[in-house]
Protein backbone atom coordinates (compact mmCIF):
# COMPACT_ATOMS: atom_id res chain seq x y z
CA MET A 1 0.00 0.00 0.00
CA PHE A 2 1.11 3.64 0.36
CA SER A 3 4.25 4.05 2.43
CA ARG A 4 3.11 7.21 4.23
CA ALA A 5 -0.64 6.85 4.02
CA ARG A 6 -2.63 5.90 7.08
CA THR A 7 -5.93 4.17 7.15
CA SER A 8 -8.69 4.77 9.61
CA GLY A 9 -11.99 3.07 9.06
CA GLY A 10 -11.21 2.41 5.42
CA VAL A 11 -10.42 6.03 4.56
CA VAL A 12 -6.93 6.68 3.20
CA SER A 13 -5.45 9.96 4.32
CA TYR A 14 -2.20 11.72 3.55
CA PRO A 15 -0.24 12.98 6.56
CA SER A 16 -0.63 16.75 6.84
CA ASP A 17 3.01 17.17 7.92
CA THR A 18 4.12 15.57 4.68
CA LEU A 19 1.76 17.76 2.67
CA TYR A 20 3.14 20.91 4.36
CA GLU A 21 6.69 19.73 3.63
CA GLU A 22 5.91 19.18 -0.04
CA VAL A 23 4.19 22.56 -0.41
CA ALA A 24 7.01 24.39 1.38
CA PHE A 25 9.67 22.55 -0.64
CA ILE A 26 8.12 23.37 -4.02
CA ALA A 27 7.26 26.94 -3.02
CA TYR A 28 10.82 27.53 -1.81
CA HIS A 29 12.41 26.28 -5.02
CA PHE A 30 9.91 27.37 -7.66
CA HIS A 31 8.23 30.31 -5.90
CA TRP A 32 4.81 28.96 -6.81
CA SER A 33 1.86 29.99 -4.66
CA GLN A 34 0.40 27.71 -2.01
CA ASP A 35 -2.89 27.52 -3.93
CA ASP A 36 -1.14 26.57 -7.16
CA ILE A 37 0.76 23.78 -5.42
CA LEU A 38 -2.27 22.48 -3.54
CA ASN A 39 -4.25 22.40 -6.78
CA LEU A 40 -1.77 19.92 -8.27
CA GLU A 41 -2.75 16.27 -8.32
CA HIS A 42 -1.03 14.38 -5.52
CA THR A 43 1.11 12.36 -7.92
CA THR A 44 2.08 15.48 -9.86
CA ARG A 45 3.11 17.27 -6.65
CA GLN A 46 5.23 14.28 -5.65
CA ARG A 47 6.80 14.23 -9.11
CA TRP A 48 7.85 17.88 -8.77
CA VAL A 49 9.37 17.13 -5.36
CA ALA A 50 11.35 14.28 -6.94
CA GLU A 51 12.52 16.49 -9.81
CA ILE A 52 13.69 19.21 -7.41
CA ASN A 53 15.57 16.54 -5.42
CA LYS A 54 17.28 15.40 -8.64
CA ILE A 55 18.36 18.96 -9.39
CA ASN A 56 19.66 19.41 -5.85
CA GLN A 57 21.62 16.13 -6.05
CA LYS A 58 23.33 17.29 -9.24
CA LEU A 59 24.38 20.53 -7.54
CA ILE A 60 26.09 18.75 -4.64
């Protein structure tokens, strides 16, 4: 199943701390607004986080 998702009564939720981290990370690097980032599909937001991480790894 999802590595960070939690289930409670059959409902899958995404940890809010992780969501805040993703939004802050993308906003910091791309200067996108909170609303723009939150309007992304979950998988798209995670993909942008991964792409930023790749860029950062190349810079090290």
